[in-house]
N, C-alpha and C. Protein backbone atom coordinates (compact mmCIF):
# COMPACT_ATOMS: atom_id res chain seq x y z
N UNK A 1 100.05 176.22 86.74
CA UNK A 1 99.95 175.64 85.30
C UNK A 1 98.59 175.65 84.79
N UNK A 2 98.16 175.94 83.09
CA UNK A 2 96.79 175.90 82.92
C UNK A 2 97.12 175.03 81.55
N UNK A 3 96.50 174.01 81.51
CA UNK A 3 96.96 173.38 80.11
C UNK A 3 96.01 173.98 79.04
N UNK A 4 97.01 174.27 77.90
CA UNK A 4 96.11 174.82 76.27
C UNK A 4 96.18 176.29 76.61
N UNK A 5 96.75 177.07 77.48
CA UNK A 5 96.82 178.37 77.86
C UNK A 5 97.23 179.24 76.47
N UNK A 6 98.24 178.42 75.88
CA UNK A 6 98.80 178.84 74.48
C UNK A 6 98.16 178.36 73.68
N UNK A 7 96.97 177.57 73.27
CA UNK A 7 96.71 176.69 72.25
C UNK A 7 95.77 177.98 71.68
N UNK A 8 95.88 177.67 70.47
CA UNK A 8 94.94 179.30 69.25
C UNK A 8 93.96 177.83 68.92
N UNK A 9 92.86 178.12 69.29
CA UNK A 9 91.70 177.25 69.32
C UNK A 9 91.25 177.61 67.58
N UNK A 10 91.31 178.97 67.66
CA UNK A 10 90.85 179.31 66.26
C UNK A 10 91.56 178.82 64.74
N UNK A 11 93.04 178.79 65.17
CA UNK A 11 93.96 178.64 64.35
C UNK A 11 94.19 177.08 64.28
N UNK A 12 94.39 176.54 65.42
CA UNK A 12 94.92 174.90 65.80
C UNK A 12 93.69 173.72 65.61
N UNK A 13 92.82 173.99 65.89
CA UNK A 13 91.47 172.80 66.09
C UNK A 13 91.29 172.49 64.80
N UNK A 14 91.46 170.67 64.73
CA UNK A 14 91.58 170.36 63.34
C UNK A 14 89.86 170.45 62.54
N UNK A 15 89.77 170.57 61.53
CA UNK A 15 88.48 170.77 60.75
C UNK A 15 87.58 169.18 61.33
N UNK A 16 88.13 168.14 61.54
CA UNK A 16 87.01 167.23 62.07
C UNK A 16 86.75 167.19 63.55
N UNK A 17 87.47 168.01 64.21
CA UNK A 17 87.13 168.26 65.52
C UNK A 17 86.04 169.51 65.55
N UNK A 18 85.99 170.31 64.83
CA UNK A 18 84.94 171.46 64.72
C UNK A 18 83.71 171.06 64.04
N UNK A 19 83.64 170.03 62.99
CA UNK A 19 82.44 169.23 62.63
C UNK A 19 81.69 168.27 63.61
N UNK A 20 82.33 168.18 64.44
CA UNK A 20 81.76 167.49 65.27
C UNK A 20 81.19 167.66 66.46
N UNK A 21 80.62 169.44 66.16
CA UNK A 21 79.59 170.36 67.05
C UNK A 21 78.65 170.73 66.05
N UNK A 22 77.44 170.48 66.60
CA UNK A 22 76.42 171.39 66.16
C UNK A 22 76.43 172.54 65.62
N UNK A 23 76.84 173.42 66.36
CA UNK A 23 77.20 174.96 66.30
C UNK A 23 78.73 174.99 66.69
N UNK A 24 79.05 176.23 66.20
CA UNK A 24 80.50 176.54 66.64
C UNK A 24 80.90 176.44 68.35
N UNK A 25 81.83 175.76 68.63
CA UNK A 25 82.11 175.70 70.06
C UNK A 25 83.13 176.69 70.72
N UNK A 26 82.80 176.61 71.89
CA UNK A 26 83.16 178.01 72.63
C UNK A 26 84.18 177.30 73.85
N UNK A 27 85.44 178.10 73.54
CA UNK A 27 86.75 177.98 74.54
C UNK A 27 85.96 178.16 75.58
N UNK A 28 86.38 177.13 76.89
CA UNK A 28 85.73 176.80 77.94
C UNK A 28 87.19 176.76 79.07
N UNK A 29 87.06 177.38 80.30
CA UNK A 29 87.99 176.83 81.23
C UNK A 29 87.55 175.93 82.24
N UNK A 30 88.22 174.69 82.16
CA UNK A 30 88.05 173.85 83.15
C UNK A 30 88.74 173.75 84.31
N UNK A 31 88.48 173.61 85.67
CA UNK A 31 88.82 174.29 86.74
C UNK A 31 89.55 173.01 87.12
N UNK A 32 90.66 172.94 87.73
CA UNK A 32 91.44 171.60 88.64
C UNK A 32 90.41 171.14 89.52
N UNK A 33 90.33 169.78 89.42
CA UNK A 33 88.97 169.11 90.17
C UNK A 33 87.92 168.82 89.38
N UNK A 34 87.82 169.31 88.08
CA UNK A 34 86.50 169.25 87.37
C UNK A 34 86.56 167.52 86.86
N UNK A 35 85.25 167.15 86.99
CA UNK A 35 85.11 165.63 86.60
C UNK A 35 84.82 165.80 85.12
N UNK A 36 85.28 164.70 84.44
CA UNK A 36 85.12 164.62 82.84
C UNK A 36 84.50 163.22 82.67
N UNK A 37 83.75 162.59 81.75
CA UNK A 37 83.24 161.17 81.52
C UNK A 37 83.42 161.27 80.02
N UNK A 38 83.88 159.50 79.84
CA UNK A 38 83.78 158.99 78.66
C UNK A 38 82.98 157.73 78.69
N UNK A 39 82.39 157.88 77.71
CA UNK A 39 81.57 155.95 77.43
C UNK A 39 82.45 155.53 76.63
N UNK A 40 82.89 154.52 77.02
CA UNK A 40 84.07 153.38 76.54
C UNK A 40 83.34 152.19 76.21
N UNK A 41 83.87 151.16 75.36
CA UNK A 41 84.02 150.05 75.11
C UNK A 41 85.37 149.20 75.77
N UNK A 42 84.98 148.66 76.78
CA UNK A 42 86.49 148.22 77.82
C UNK A 42 87.12 147.79 76.60
N UNK A 43 88.72 148.11 76.44
CA UNK A 43 89.49 147.03 75.90
C UNK A 43 89.80 147.69 74.31
N UNK A 44 88.86 148.93 74.36
CA UNK A 44 88.70 149.09 72.51
C UNK A 44 89.23 150.82 72.90
N UNK A 45 88.37 151.60 73.38
CA UNK A 45 88.88 152.89 73.22
C UNK A 45 88.87 153.76 74.50
N UNK A 46 89.78 153.14 75.17
CA UNK A 46 90.11 153.93 76.68
C UNK A 46 91.22 154.74 76.40
N UNK A 47 91.08 155.83 75.46
CA UNK A 47 92.16 156.98 75.60
C UNK A 47 91.62 158.27 76.50
N UNK A 48 92.56 158.82 76.59
CA UNK A 48 92.42 160.44 77.59
C UNK A 48 92.61 161.20 76.45
N UNK A 49 93.08 161.58 75.44
CA UNK A 49 92.85 162.44 74.81
C UNK A 49 91.22 162.63 74.13
N UNK A 50 90.91 163.96 73.62
CA UNK A 50 89.83 164.10 72.83
C UNK A 50 88.56 164.45 73.36
N UNK A 51 87.45 163.65 73.17
CA UNK A 51 86.07 164.19 73.45
C UNK A 51 85.86 163.58 74.80
N UNK A 52 84.80 164.19 75.55
CA UNK A 52 84.71 163.93 76.85
C UNK A 52 83.13 164.61 77.29
N UNK A 53 82.53 164.44 78.27
CA UNK A 53 81.07 164.64 78.73
C UNK A 53 81.39 165.44 79.75
N UNK A 54 81.08 166.98 79.78
CA UNK A 54 81.51 167.69 81.25
C UNK A 54 80.35 166.65 82.38
N UNK A 55 80.67 167.37 83.31
CA UNK A 55 79.90 166.58 84.76
C UNK A 55 78.42 167.07 84.48
N UNK A 56 78.27 168.30 84.24
CA UNK A 56 76.77 168.96 84.30
C UNK A 56 75.79 168.17 83.29
N UNK A 57 76.64 167.87 82.09
CA UNK A 57 75.89 167.23 80.90
C UNK A 57 75.66 165.58 81.40
N UNK A 58 76.79 164.94 81.94
CA UNK A 58 76.51 163.55 82.50
C UNK A 58 75.47 163.34 83.59
N UNK A 59 75.29 164.49 84.44
CA UNK A 59 74.48 164.10 85.48
C UNK A 59 72.94 164.67 84.67
N UNK A 60 73.14 165.32 83.97
CA UNK A 60 71.40 165.29 83.00
C UNK A 60 71.12 164.10 82.25
N UNK A 61 72.14 163.68 81.73
CA UNK A 61 72.06 162.29 81.07
C UNK A 61 71.52 161.06 82.19
N UNK A 62 72.31 161.01 83.01
CA UNK A 62 72.19 160.09 84.07
C UNK A 62 70.44 160.27 84.85
N UNK A 63 70.25 161.44 85.04
CA UNK A 63 68.56 161.74 85.58
C UNK A 63 67.58 161.62 84.79
N UNK A 64 67.80 161.98 83.21
CA UNK A 64 67.03 161.24 82.21
C UNK A 64 66.91 159.99 81.83
N UNK A 65 68.12 159.23 81.93
CA UNK A 65 67.92 157.65 81.97
C UNK A 65 67.30 157.09 83.19
N UNK A 66 67.17 157.43 84.40
CA UNK A 66 66.61 157.32 85.53
C UNK A 66 65.05 157.34 85.45
N UNK A 67 64.82 158.76 84.88
CA UNK A 67 63.41 158.78 84.63
C UNK A 67 62.58 157.81 83.61
N UNK A 68 63.39 157.64 82.69
CA UNK A 68 62.95 156.55 81.21
C UNK A 68 62.96 155.36 81.67
N UNK A 69 63.94 155.00 82.88
CA UNK A 69 64.03 153.45 83.23
C UNK A 69 64.91 152.72 82.13
N UNK A 70 65.94 153.27 81.72
CA UNK A 70 66.98 152.66 80.54
C UNK A 70 68.32 152.93 81.02
N UNK A 71 68.87 151.96 80.51
CA UNK A 71 70.60 152.28 80.80
C UNK A 71 71.18 153.71 80.21
N UNK A 72 71.80 154.10 81.23
CA UNK A 72 72.60 155.75 80.39
C UNK A 72 73.16 155.77 79.33
N UNK A 73 73.82 154.61 78.96
CA UNK A 73 74.35 154.55 77.85
C UNK A 73 73.65 154.61 76.38
N UNK A 74 72.64 154.00 76.79
CA UNK A 74 71.39 153.93 75.59
C UNK A 74 71.15 155.40 75.30
N UNK A 75 70.73 156.09 76.17
CA UNK A 75 70.60 157.50 76.05
C UNK A 75 71.70 158.22 75.17
N UNK A 76 72.94 158.00 75.95
CA UNK A 76 74.02 158.63 75.84
C UNK A 76 74.45 158.23 74.32
N UNK A 77 74.19 157.16 73.70
CA UNK A 77 74.58 156.94 72.64
C UNK A 77 74.02 158.11 71.58
N UNK A 78 72.60 157.87 71.78
CA UNK A 78 72.01 158.71 70.74
C UNK A 78 72.17 160.36 71.14
N UNK A 79 72.24 160.92 72.33
CA UNK A 79 72.22 162.76 72.58
C UNK A 79 73.96 162.79 72.40
N UNK A 80 74.83 162.18 72.65
CA UNK A 80 75.88 162.49 71.97
C UNK A 80 76.60 161.94 70.83
N UNK A 81 75.89 161.37 70.07
CA UNK A 81 75.92 160.98 68.80
C UNK A 81 77.08 160.03 68.59
N UNK A 82 77.18 159.08 69.32
CA UNK A 82 78.35 158.02 69.52
C UNK A 82 78.24 157.08 68.50
N UNK A 83 78.93 156.58 67.61
CA UNK A 83 78.41 155.59 66.39
C UNK A 83 79.15 154.47 66.84
N UNK A 84 78.42 153.27 66.23
CA UNK A 84 78.96 151.99 66.36
C UNK A 84 80.40 151.58 66.19
N UNK A 85 80.88 152.38 64.79
CA UNK A 85 82.18 151.90 64.61
C UNK A 85 83.39 152.68 65.73
N UNK A 86 82.93 153.82 66.37
CA UNK A 86 84.03 154.42 67.17
C UNK A 86 83.55 153.73 68.16
N UNK A 87 82.37 153.10 68.79
CA UNK A 87 81.93 152.53 70.29
C UNK A 87 81.43 151.80 70.20
N UNK A 88 81.57 150.46 70.10
CA UNK A 88 80.93 149.19 69.65
C UNK A 88 79.95 148.88 70.85
N UNK A 89 80.30 149.01 72.14
CA UNK A 89 79.57 148.35 73.06
C UNK A 89 79.19 149.04 74.32
N UNK A 90 79.95 150.35 74.25
CA UNK A 90 79.59 151.52 75.31
C UNK A 90 79.26 150.70 76.78
N UNK A 91 80.48 149.80 77.25
CA UNK A 91 80.13 149.09 78.39
C UNK A 91 80.76 149.38 79.39
N UNK A 92 81.34 150.43 79.20
CA UNK A 92 82.14 151.23 80.62
C UNK A 92 82.33 152.91 80.56
N UNK A 93 82.54 153.24 81.59
CA UNK A 93 82.68 154.60 81.65
C UNK A 93 84.07 155.19 82.43
N UNK A 94 84.71 155.92 81.47
CA UNK A 94 85.92 156.34 81.98
C UNK A 94 85.87 157.72 82.63
N UNK A 95 86.09 158.02 84.12
CA UNK A 95 85.74 159.22 85.05
C UNK A 95 87.22 159.49 84.89
N UNK A 96 87.46 161.06 84.83
CA UNK A 96 88.69 161.61 85.14
C UNK A 96 88.44 162.61 85.90
N UNK A 97 89.43 163.27 86.86
CA UNK A 97 89.48 164.38 87.38
C UNK A 97 90.51 165.03 87.30
N UNK A 98 90.53 166.32 86.70
CA UNK A 98 91.54 167.12 86.23
C UNK A 98 92.60 167.65 87.52
N UNK A 99 93.58 167.16 87.24
CA UNK A 99 94.91 167.90 88.39
C UNK A 99 95.50 169.08 88.27
N UNK A 100 94.76 169.86 87.13
CA UNK A 100 95.14 171.11 86.91
C UNK A 100 94.23 172.00 85.88
N UNK A 101 94.38 173.07 85.99
CA UNK A 101 93.00 173.93 85.02
C UNK A 101 93.19 173.62 83.69
N UNK A 102 92.30 173.82 82.67
CA UNK A 102 92.48 173.16 81.27
C UNK A 102 91.85 174.03 80.37
N UNK A 103 91.94 174.33 79.19
CA UNK A 103 91.11 174.88 78.59
C UNK A 103 90.54 173.89 77.42
N UNK A 104 89.52 174.19 77.15
CA UNK A 104 88.81 173.25 75.99
C UNK A 104 87.81 173.96 75.16
N UNK A 105 87.21 173.34 74.11
CA UNK A 105 85.66 173.72 73.39
C UNK A 105 84.58 172.85 73.92
N UNK A 106 83.71 173.86 74.01
CA UNK A 106 82.72 173.40 74.39
C UNK A 106 81.32 173.60 73.79
N UNK A 107 80.51 172.77 73.34
CA UNK A 107 79.38 172.82 72.68
C UNK A 107 78.53 171.26 72.39
N UNK A 108 77.16 171.69 71.65
CA UNK A 108 76.55 170.21 71.57
C UNK A 108 77.27 169.51 70.33
N UNK A 109 77.10 168.21 70.45
CA UNK A 109 77.23 167.07 69.79
C UNK A 109 76.56 167.22 68.56
N UNK A 110 77.27 167.18 67.27
CA UNK A 110 76.43 167.28 66.05
C UNK A 110 75.76 165.79 65.62
N UNK A 111 74.55 165.94 64.92
CA UNK A 111 73.88 164.31 64.74
C UNK A 111 74.84 163.95 63.89
N UNK A 112 74.69 162.29 63.64
CA UNK A 112 75.32 161.68 63.02
C UNK A 112 74.80 160.26 62.79
N UNK A 113 75.07 159.42 61.85
CA UNK A 113 74.73 158.22 61.18
C UNK A 113 74.89 157.39 62.86
N UNK A 114 74.09 156.21 62.96
CA UNK A 114 74.44 155.21 64.16
C UNK A 114 75.60 154.38 63.52
N UNK A 115 75.23 154.07 62.24
CA UNK A 115 76.60 153.22 61.65
C UNK A 115 76.78 154.06 60.14
N UNK A 116 78.16 154.06 59.69
CA UNK A 116 78.63 154.74 58.85
C UNK A 116 77.75 154.41 57.40
N UNK A 117 77.69 153.56 57.01
CA UNK A 117 76.83 152.79 55.74
C UNK A 117 75.56 152.79 56.10
N UNK A 118 75.00 153.20 56.87
CA UNK A 118 73.19 152.92 57.33
C UNK A 118 72.45 154.12 57.31
N UNK A 119 71.85 154.76 56.36
CA UNK A 119 71.59 156.29 56.48
C UNK A 119 69.95 155.98 57.01
N UNK A 120 69.51 154.79 57.68
CA UNK A 120 68.40 154.64 58.31
C UNK A 120 68.08 155.36 59.89
N UNK A 121 69.36 155.34 60.60
CA UNK A 121 69.24 155.50 61.68
C UNK A 121 70.15 156.71 62.17
N UNK A 122 69.62 157.50 62.21
CA UNK A 122 70.23 158.90 62.85
C UNK A 122 70.58 159.31 64.37
N UNK A 123 71.57 159.60 64.65
CA UNK A 123 71.59 159.69 66.06
C UNK A 123 71.61 161.32 66.54
N UNK A 124 70.93 161.76 67.25
CA UNK A 124 70.51 163.33 67.10
C UNK A 124 71.34 164.10 67.78
N UNK A 125 72.31 163.55 68.62
CA UNK A 125 73.20 164.45 69.31
C UNK A 125 72.58 165.95 70.05
N UNK A 126 73.22 166.72 70.16
CA UNK A 126 72.75 168.04 71.06
C UNK A 126 72.98 168.14 72.59
N UNK A 127 73.54 167.30 72.91
CA UNK A 127 73.97 167.41 74.40
C UNK A 127 75.54 167.71 74.50
N UNK A 128 75.72 168.72 75.63
CA UNK A 128 77.29 169.28 75.42
C UNK A 128 78.58 168.29 75.48
N UNK A 129 79.66 168.27 74.72
CA UNK A 129 80.70 167.49 74.88
C UNK A 129 81.67 168.66 74.84
N UNK A 130 82.94 168.40 75.67
CA UNK A 130 84.14 169.19 75.65
C UNK A 130 85.38 168.33 74.81
N UNK A 131 85.91 169.33 74.08
CA UNK A 131 87.15 168.60 73.22
C UNK A 131 88.44 169.14 74.27
N UNK A 132 89.37 168.54 74.76
CA UNK A 132 90.36 169.04 75.77
C UNK A 132 91.86 168.34 74.51
N UNK A 133 92.39 169.30 73.97
CA UNK A 133 93.59 169.08 73.39
C UNK A 133 94.68 168.74 74.47
N UNK A 134 95.51 167.91 74.40
CA UNK A 134 96.97 167.92 74.70
C UNK A 134 96.83 166.94 76.52
N UNK A 135 95.16 166.60 76.42
CA UNK A 135 95.45 165.73 78.04
C UNK A 135 95.86 164.77 78.07
N UNK A 136 96.45 164.50 79.14
CA UNK A 136 97.35 163.20 79.14
C UNK A 136 97.17 162.60 80.73
N UNK A 137 97.67 161.26 80.78
CA UNK A 137 97.38 160.36 81.91
C UNK A 137 98.20 161.10 83.36
N UNK A 138 98.82 162.07 82.83
CA UNK A 138 99.86 162.72 84.13
C UNK A 138 99.05 163.89 84.94
N UNK A 139 98.08 164.12 83.78
CA UNK A 139 97.16 165.62 84.37
C UNK A 139 96.02 165.45 84.88
N UNK A 140 95.54 163.95 85.03
CA UNK A 140 94.13 163.45 85.77
C UNK A 140 94.38 162.51 86.53
N UNK A 141 93.32 162.47 87.35
CA UNK A 141 93.06 160.94 88.16
C UNK A 141 91.98 160.55 87.49
N UNK A 142 92.15 158.95 87.23
CA UNK A 142 91.45 158.12 86.28
C UNK A 142 90.75 156.99 86.58
N UNK A 143 89.71 156.66 86.57
CA UNK A 143 88.45 155.55 87.30
C UNK A 143 88.07 154.96 85.75
N UNK A 144 87.49 153.97 86.30
CA UNK A 144 86.76 153.00 85.20
C UNK A 144 85.65 152.49 85.88
N UNK A 145 84.35 152.26 85.45
CA UNK A 145 83.02 151.31 86.04
C UNK A 145 82.53 151.30 84.68
N UNK A 146 82.46 149.71 85.00
CA UNK A 146 81.57 148.93 84.13
C UNK A 146 80.16 149.42 84.17
N UNK A 147 79.53 149.39 82.99
CA UNK A 147 78.15 149.67 82.72
C UNK A 147 77.18 148.48 82.51
């Protein structure tokens, strides 16, 4: 089984999802066993569906954060363009491993404001994110880590 093998990404991807990428995203096949990461506010946004950080992008973020001597979530907020409204604390990391192959959309995160009503702080984005529709708990092994 391959998740989303019949999903028409050109026709069925919601406009707000497409708008979350800096440039048009590309369909990508994620293989069984692939790890995906999501920074979360524990008890707030620990969902499975939606946007994830691919393993290679997470490893880059973690490496850059080590080099800069800063917490990875601080760097990730800026480079993944994660707003305060969507993820206020970023004090946890959800890590999933796919139990089957899955198609998703891959591309760089689009810039956006840190806070919806504050034009003074812009999150630059531009690190790869992947959107995996129809992902559910029965299709992943999931773990959490407190940051």
